[in-house]
Amino acid sequence: MKQTQKFTAIIKLENDSYTSLYLELDIASQGSTIEEVKQNLVEAIELFFS
């Protein structure tokens, strides 16, 4: 059975790019758009758990 967990993510604009952070896991990412930073953060958490 697959387990589901929820994490808190913060995305903020810094200079000309967005940064994001999963608070509980201390995983960060960045991107030039909100959609890109979301995709990069999902990829980072997938790598963290693989």
N, C-alpha and C. Protein backbone atom coordinates (compact mmCIF):
# COMPACT_ATOMS: atom_id res chain seq x y z
N MET A 1 0.84 -1.17 0.00
CA MET A 1 0.00 0.00 0.00
C MET A 1 0.89 1.25 0.00
N LYS A 2 0.50 2.21 -0.80
CA LYS A 2 1.26 3.46 -0.92
C LYS A 2 0.88 4.42 0.18
N GLN A 3 1.89 5.02 0.81
CA GLN A 3 1.64 6.02 1.84
C GLN A 3 1.69 7.42 1.23
N THR A 4 0.87 8.29 1.77
CA THR A 4 0.85 9.67 1.32
C THR A 4 1.26 10.56 2.48
N GLN A 5 2.16 11.49 2.20
CA GLN A 5 2.58 12.46 3.20
C GLN A 5 2.40 13.85 2.62
N LYS A 6 2.15 14.80 3.49
CA LYS A 6 2.04 16.19 3.07
C LYS A 6 3.20 16.97 3.66
N PHE A 7 3.76 17.88 2.85
CA PHE A 7 4.86 18.72 3.28
C PHE A 7 4.52 20.17 3.00
N THR A 8 5.11 21.05 3.77
CA THR A 8 4.91 22.48 3.60
C THR A 8 6.00 23.04 2.69
N ALA A 9 5.58 23.70 1.62
CA ALA A 9 6.54 24.32 0.69
C ALA A 9 6.34 25.83 0.71
N ILE A 10 7.45 26.53 0.70
CA ILE A 10 7.43 27.99 0.60
C ILE A 10 8.10 28.37 -0.72
N ILE A 11 7.43 29.20 -1.49
CA ILE A 11 7.98 29.71 -2.75
C ILE A 11 8.01 31.23 -2.65
N LYS A 12 9.18 31.81 -2.93
CA LYS A 12 9.25 33.26 -2.90
C LYS A 12 10.13 33.79 -4.03
N LEU A 13 9.83 35.00 -4.42
CA LEU A 13 10.57 35.68 -5.48
C LEU A 13 11.78 36.37 -4.87
N GLU A 14 12.97 36.04 -5.37
CA GLU A 14 14.20 36.68 -4.93
C GLU A 14 14.93 37.18 -6.17
N ASN A 15 15.07 38.50 -6.26
CA ASN A 15 15.65 39.14 -7.44
C ASN A 15 14.83 38.76 -8.67
N ASP A 16 15.40 38.04 -9.64
CA ASP A 16 14.67 37.71 -10.87
C ASP A 16 14.29 36.24 -10.96
N SER A 17 14.42 35.48 -9.87
CA SER A 17 14.05 34.06 -9.92
C SER A 17 13.31 33.68 -8.64
N TYR A 18 12.69 32.52 -8.69
CA TYR A 18 11.94 32.01 -7.55
C TYR A 18 12.76 30.96 -6.82
N THR A 19 12.66 30.95 -5.50
CA THR A 19 13.28 29.90 -4.70
C THR A 19 12.17 29.20 -3.92
N SER A 20 12.40 27.94 -3.61
CA SER A 20 11.41 27.18 -2.87
C SER A 20 12.11 26.31 -1.83
N LEU A 21 11.36 25.96 -0.80
CA LEU A 21 11.91 25.17 0.29
C LEU A 21 10.82 24.30 0.88
N TYR A 22 11.12 23.00 1.03
CA TYR A 22 10.28 22.11 1.82
C TYR A 22 10.78 22.22 3.25
N LEU A 23 9.96 22.77 4.12
CA LEU A 23 10.40 23.06 5.47
C LEU A 23 10.78 21.81 6.26
N GLU A 24 9.95 20.78 6.19
CA GLU A 24 10.18 19.59 7.02
C GLU A 24 11.43 18.82 6.62
N LEU A 25 11.81 18.89 5.35
CA LEU A 25 12.94 18.09 4.86
C LEU A 25 14.17 18.92 4.55
N ASP A 26 14.07 20.22 4.62
CA ASP A 26 15.17 21.13 4.29
C ASP A 26 15.69 20.88 2.87
N ILE A 27 14.76 20.75 1.92
CA ILE A 27 15.09 20.57 0.50
C ILE A 27 14.72 21.85 -0.22
N ALA A 28 15.66 22.38 -0.98
CA ALA A 28 15.43 23.65 -1.68
C ALA A 28 15.59 23.47 -3.18
N SER A 29 14.99 24.40 -3.93
CA SER A 29 15.11 24.40 -5.38
C SER A 29 14.91 25.82 -5.87
N GLN A 30 15.14 26.02 -7.16
CA GLN A 30 14.90 27.34 -7.73
C GLN A 30 14.45 27.21 -9.17
N GLY A 31 13.92 28.30 -9.71
CA GLY A 31 13.47 28.33 -11.10
C GLY A 31 13.15 29.75 -11.51
N SER A 32 12.99 29.95 -12.81
CA SER A 32 12.72 31.31 -13.30
C SER A 32 11.23 31.64 -13.30
N THR A 33 10.37 30.63 -13.17
CA THR A 33 8.92 30.85 -13.06
C THR A 33 8.38 30.01 -11.90
N ILE A 34 7.18 30.31 -11.47
CA ILE A 34 6.57 29.52 -10.40
C ILE A 34 6.38 28.07 -10.83
N GLU A 35 5.93 27.86 -12.05
CA GLU A 35 5.74 26.49 -12.54
C GLU A 35 7.06 25.73 -12.58
N GLU A 36 8.12 26.38 -13.02
CA GLU A 36 9.42 25.72 -13.09
C GLU A 36 9.93 25.37 -11.69
N VAL A 37 9.77 26.28 -10.74
CA VAL A 37 10.26 26.00 -9.39
C VAL A 37 9.44 24.88 -8.76
N LYS A 38 8.14 24.80 -9.06
CA LYS A 38 7.32 23.69 -8.55
C LYS A 38 7.80 22.36 -9.13
N GLN A 39 8.04 22.32 -10.44
CA GLN A 39 8.53 21.09 -11.08
C GLN A 39 9.88 20.68 -10.51
N ASN A 40 10.77 21.65 -10.31
CA ASN A 40 12.09 21.35 -9.77
C ASN A 40 12.01 20.84 -8.33
N LEU A 41 11.08 21.37 -7.57
CA LEU A 41 10.91 20.93 -6.19
C LEU A 41 10.36 19.51 -6.12
N VAL A 42 9.41 19.19 -6.99
CA VAL A 42 8.89 17.82 -7.05
C VAL A 42 10.02 16.86 -7.43
N GLU A 43 10.83 17.22 -8.40
CA GLU A 43 11.96 16.38 -8.79
C GLU A 43 12.94 16.20 -7.64
N ALA A 44 13.20 17.25 -6.90
CA ALA A 44 14.14 17.17 -5.77
C ALA A 44 13.62 16.22 -4.69
N ILE A 45 12.33 16.27 -4.40
CA ILE A 45 11.80 15.39 -3.36
C ILE A 45 11.74 13.95 -3.83
N GLU A 46 11.47 13.75 -5.13
CA GLU A 46 11.49 12.38 -5.67
C GLU A 46 12.90 11.78 -5.56
N LEU A 47 13.92 12.57 -5.86
CA LEU A 47 15.30 12.10 -5.72
C LEU A 47 15.66 11.85 -4.26
N PHE A 48 15.15 12.67 -3.38
CA PHE A 48 15.43 12.52 -1.96
C PHE A 48 14.92 11.17 -1.45
N PHE A 49 13.73 10.75 -1.90
CA PHE A 49 13.12 9.52 -1.41
C PHE A 49 13.49 8.29 -2.25
N SER A 50 14.24 8.45 -3.32
CA SER A 50 14.59 7.28 -4.15
C SER A 50 15.89 6.64 -3.70
